[in-house]
Amino acid sequence: MKKLIILIAVLMTTSASAEWTYSTSQKENGNKSYIDYKTIESNKGLVYAWTMTDFVRVGEDGVSSVKVFYAIDCGTPKQYNILSFHAYSSPMAAKGLMASLTPEDPWEYLIPGSVVDQVASDICTAI
């Protein structure tokens, strides 16, 4: 329950005041990933942060960008868990919320050199 309250509070503050800072691009398609450094928080050995990916091409489903709230274990090896996922019909997740998910996925190890690895590394260095 405590996690849910924290997540709701972060969701409310992030959507209105995000300041996206470029992190990396996918080589295959040019999609750009950003971090909102104001949202980075550390608690009990984990780091939490909002990221956003802006797609070069709108998907067949109409999704133009996504925001993801991550929990990251910055130890060796680094692991991450997606706590919240939001799809938008507009660039830079500015408006047009299409779907919100709270995945129940297990923790995953980061693949070295992947986009998520680069974003997580940028987040971990910021704390």
C-alpha atoms as a PDB file:
ATOM      1  CA  MET A   1       0.000   0.000   0.000  1.00  0.00           C
ATOM      2  CA  LYS A   2       2.872   2.342   0.850  1.00  0.00           C
ATOM      3  CA  LYS A   3       4.362   1.759  -2.639  1.00  0.00           C
ATOM      4  CA  LEU A   4       1.020   2.668  -4.219  1.00  0.00           C
ATOM      5  CA  ILE A   5       0.780   5.952  -2.299  1.00  0.00           C
ATOM      6  CA  ILE A   6       4.346   6.900  -3.277  1.00  0.00           C
ATOM      7  CA  LEU A   7       3.662   5.981  -6.913  1.00  0.00           C
ATOM      8  CA  ILE A   8       0.479   8.083  -7.025  1.00  0.00           C
ATOM      9  CA  ALA A   9       2.286  11.077  -5.506  1.00  0.00           C
ATOM     10  CA  VAL A  10       5.117  10.796  -8.024  1.00  0.00           C
ATOM     11  CA  LEU A  11       2.661  10.400 -10.914  1.00  0.00           C
ATOM     12  CA  MET A  12       0.829  13.557  -9.932  1.00  0.00           C
ATOM     13  CA  THR A  13       3.965  15.692  -9.676  1.00  0.00           C
ATOM     14  CA  THR A  14       5.719  14.301 -12.747  1.00  0.00           C
ATOM     15  CA  SER A  15       3.087  14.747 -15.419  1.00  0.00           C
ATOM     16  CA  ALA A  16       2.751  18.491 -14.989  1.00  0.00           C
ATOM     17  CA  SER A  17       6.354  19.515 -14.423  1.00  0.00           C
ATOM     18  CA  ALA A  18       8.685  17.132 -16.254  1.00  0.00           C
ATOM     19  CA  GLU A  19      12.001  18.513 -17.443  1.00  0.00           C
ATOM     20  CA  TRP A  20      13.316  15.965 -19.909  1.00  0.00           C
ATOM     21  CA  THR A  21      17.087  15.783 -20.415  1.00  0.00           C
ATOM     22  CA  TYR A  22      18.425  13.794 -23.359  1.00  0.00           C
ATOM     23  CA  SER A  23      20.166  10.526 -22.418  1.00  0.00           C
ATOM     24  CA  THR A  24      20.649   8.344 -25.520  1.00  0.00           C
ATOM     25  CA  SER A  25      19.223   7.208 -28.881  1.00  0.00           C
ATOM     26  CA  GLN A  26      18.562   3.790 -30.324  1.00  0.00           C
ATOM     27  CA  LYS A  27      20.942   3.199 -33.217  1.00  0.00           C
ATOM     28  CA  GLU A  28      18.439   1.055 -35.147  1.00  0.00           C
ATOM     29  CA  ASN A  29      15.548   3.517 -35.293  1.00  0.00           C
ATOM     30  CA  GLY A  30      16.620   6.870 -33.831  1.00  0.00           C
ATOM     31  CA  ASN A  31      14.139   6.801 -30.935  1.00  0.00           C
ATOM     32  CA  LYS A  32      15.411   9.160 -28.232  1.00  0.00           C
ATOM     33  CA  SER A  33      15.384   8.492 -24.492  1.00  0.00           C
ATOM     34  CA  TYR A  34      15.223  11.214 -21.852  1.00  0.00           C
ATOM     35  CA  ILE A  35      15.442  11.395 -18.050  1.00  0.00           C
ATOM     36  CA  ASP A  36      13.652  13.766 -15.691  1.00  0.00           C
ATOM     37  CA  TYR A  37      16.530  14.320 -13.251  1.00  0.00           C
ATOM     38  CA  LYS A  38      14.261  16.145 -10.785  1.00  0.00           C
ATOM     39  CA  THR A  39      12.456  12.870 -10.105  1.00  0.00           C
ATOM     40  CA  ILE A  40      15.522  10.810  -9.188  1.00  0.00           C
ATOM     41  CA  GLU A  41      15.276   9.540  -5.615  1.00  0.00           C
ATOM     42  CA  SER A  42      17.190   6.951  -3.653  1.00  0.00           C
ATOM     43  CA  ASN A  43      15.624   4.783  -0.961  1.00  0.00           C
ATOM     44  CA  LYS A  44      16.908   1.613   0.737  1.00  0.00           C
ATOM     45  CA  GLY A  45      19.579   0.931  -1.878  1.00  0.00           C
ATOM     46  CA  LEU A  46      17.305   1.478  -4.886  1.00  0.00           C
ATOM     47  CA  VAL A  47      17.085   4.449  -7.217  1.00  0.00           C
ATOM     48  CA  TYR A  48      13.761   5.610  -8.685  1.00  0.00           C
ATOM     49  CA  ALA A  49      13.339   7.829 -11.741  1.00  0.00           C
ATOM     50  CA  TRP A  50      11.032   8.787 -14.603  1.00  0.00           C
ATOM     51  CA  THR A  51      12.207   8.346 -18.181  1.00  0.00           C
ATOM     52  CA  MET A  52      10.573   9.121 -21.497  1.00  0.00           C
ATOM     53  CA  THR A  53      11.138   7.691 -24.963  1.00  0.00           C
ATOM     54  CA  ASP A  54      10.104   9.727 -27.974  1.00  0.00           C
ATOM     55  CA  PHE A  55       9.551   7.605 -31.095  1.00  0.00           C
ATOM     56  CA  VAL A  56      10.731   8.805 -34.508  1.00  0.00           C
ATOM     57  CA  ARG A  57       7.709   7.166 -36.149  1.00  0.00           C
ATOM     58  CA  VAL A  58       4.256   6.822 -34.619  1.00  0.00           C
ATOM     59  CA  GLY A  59       3.461   3.138 -34.134  1.00  0.00           C
ATOM     60  CA  GLU A  60       0.541   1.369 -35.778  1.00  0.00           C
ATOM     61  CA  ASP A  61      -1.167   1.570 -32.397  1.00  0.00           C
ATOM     62  CA  GLY A  62      -0.877   5.381 -32.469  1.00  0.00           C
ATOM     63  CA  VAL A  63       1.770   5.572 -29.736  1.00  0.00           C
ATOM     64  CA  SER A  64       4.190   8.456 -30.233  1.00  0.00           C
ATOM     65  CA  SER A  65       5.997   8.395 -26.874  1.00  0.00           C
ATOM     66  CA  VAL A  66       6.099   6.537 -23.567  1.00  0.00           C
ATOM     67  CA  LYS A  67       6.944   7.436 -19.977  1.00  0.00           C
ATOM     68  CA  VAL A  68       8.367   4.784 -17.666  1.00  0.00           C
ATOM     69  CA  PHE A  69       8.920   4.887 -13.908  1.00  0.00           C
ATOM     70  CA  TYR A  70      11.885   2.682 -13.016  1.00  0.00           C
ATOM     71  CA  ALA A  71      13.309   1.193  -9.843  1.00  0.00           C
ATOM     72  CA  ILE A  72      17.013   0.515 -10.373  1.00  0.00           C
ATOM     73  CA  ASP A  73      19.518  -1.424  -8.309  1.00  0.00           C
ATOM     74  CA  CYS A  74      22.772   0.336  -9.192  1.00  0.00           C
ATOM     75  CA  GLY A  75      24.957  -2.423  -7.746  1.00  0.00           C
ATOM     76  CA  THR A  76      26.909  -4.942  -9.783  1.00  0.00           C
ATOM     77  CA  PRO A  77      25.300  -6.296 -11.843  1.00  0.00           C
ATOM     78  CA  LYS A  78      22.684  -3.575 -12.325  1.00  0.00           C
ATOM     79  CA  GLN A  79      19.029  -4.620 -12.292  1.00  0.00           C
ATOM     80  CA  TYR A  80      15.798  -2.768 -13.015  1.00  0.00           C
ATOM     81  CA  ASN A  81      12.068  -3.085 -12.557  1.00  0.00           C
ATOM     82  CA  ILE A  82       9.362  -1.136 -14.381  1.00  0.00           C
ATOM     83  CA  LEU A  83       6.908   0.217 -11.813  1.00  0.00           C
ATOM     84  CA  SER A  84       4.690   2.215 -14.170  1.00  0.00           C
ATOM     85  CA  PHE A  85       4.333   2.579 -17.943  1.00  0.00           C
ATOM     86  CA  HIS A  86       2.321   5.229 -19.848  1.00  0.00           C
ATOM     87  CA  ALA A  87       1.755   5.480 -23.617  1.00  0.00           C
ATOM     88  CA  TYR A  88       0.986   8.819 -25.330  1.00  0.00           C
ATOM     89  CA  SER A  89      -0.301   9.831 -28.751  1.00  0.00           C
ATOM     90  CA  SER A  90       1.772  13.037 -28.779  1.00  0.00           C
ATOM     91  CA  PRO A  91       5.531  13.584 -28.978  1.00  0.00           C
ATOM     92  CA  MET A  92       7.485  14.041 -25.746  1.00  0.00           C
ATOM     93  CA  ALA A  93       4.554  12.625 -23.714  1.00  0.00           C
ATOM     94  CA  ALA A  94       3.013  16.089 -23.751  1.00  0.00           C
ATOM     95  CA  LYS A  95      -0.639  15.001 -23.972  1.00  0.00           C
ATOM     96  CA  GLY A  96      -2.910  12.280 -25.262  1.00  0.00           C
ATOM     97  CA  LEU A  97      -2.496   9.582 -22.603  1.00  0.00           C
ATOM     98  CA  MET A  98      -3.593   6.365 -24.320  1.00  0.00           C
ATOM     99  CA  ALA A  99      -2.812   3.677 -21.756  1.00  0.00           C
ATOM    100  CA  SER A 100      -1.299   3.216 -18.305  1.00  0.00           C
ATOM    101  CA  LEU A 101       0.063  -0.048 -16.977  1.00  0.00           C
ATOM    102  CA  THR A 102       1.515  -1.191 -13.698  1.00  0.00           C
ATOM    103  CA  PRO A 103       3.480  -4.277 -14.736  1.00  0.00           C
ATOM    104  CA  GLU A 104       4.029  -7.125 -12.301  1.00  0.00           C
ATOM    105  CA  ASP A 105       7.244  -8.159 -14.021  1.00  0.00           C
ATOM    106  CA  PRO A 106      10.196  -9.500 -12.035  1.00  0.00           C
ATOM    107  CA  TRP A 107      13.505  -7.694 -11.753  1.00  0.00           C
ATOM    108  CA  GLU A 108      15.675  -7.955 -14.860  1.00  0.00           C
ATOM    109  CA  TYR A 109      19.412  -7.632 -15.357  1.00  0.00           C
ATOM    110  CA  LEU A 110      20.507  -4.871 -17.703  1.00  0.00           C
ATOM    111  CA  ILE A 111      22.024  -5.947 -21.002  1.00  0.00           C
ATOM    112  CA  PRO A 112      25.380  -4.160 -21.334  1.00  0.00           C
ATOM    113  CA  GLY A 113      25.302  -1.543 -24.082  1.00  0.00           C
ATOM    114  CA  SER A 114      21.493  -1.513 -24.378  1.00  0.00           C
ATOM    115  CA  VAL A 115      19.460   1.696 -24.300  1.00  0.00           C
ATOM    116  CA  VAL A 116      18.036   0.788 -20.885  1.00  0.00           C
ATOM    117  CA  ASP A 117      21.587   0.146 -19.641  1.00  0.00           C
ATOM    118  CA  GLN A 118      22.699   3.599 -20.813  1.00  0.00           C
ATOM    119  CA  VAL A 119      19.677   5.327 -19.261  1.00  0.00           C
ATOM    120  CA  ALA A 120      20.110   3.403 -15.989  1.00  0.00           C
ATOM    121  CA  SER A 121      23.824   4.270 -15.919  1.00  0.00           C
ATOM    122  CA  ASP A 122      22.990   7.962 -16.362  1.00  0.00           C
ATOM    123  CA  ILE A 123      20.461   7.721 -13.505  1.00  0.00           C
ATOM    124  CA  CYS A 124      22.861   5.826 -11.222  1.00  0.00           C
ATOM    125  CA  THR A 125      25.628   8.393 -11.799  1.00  0.00           C
ATOM    126  CA  ALA A 126      23.251  11.207 -10.875  1.00  0.00           C
ATOM    127  CA  ILE A 127      22.751  10.055  -7.278  1.00  0.00           C
END
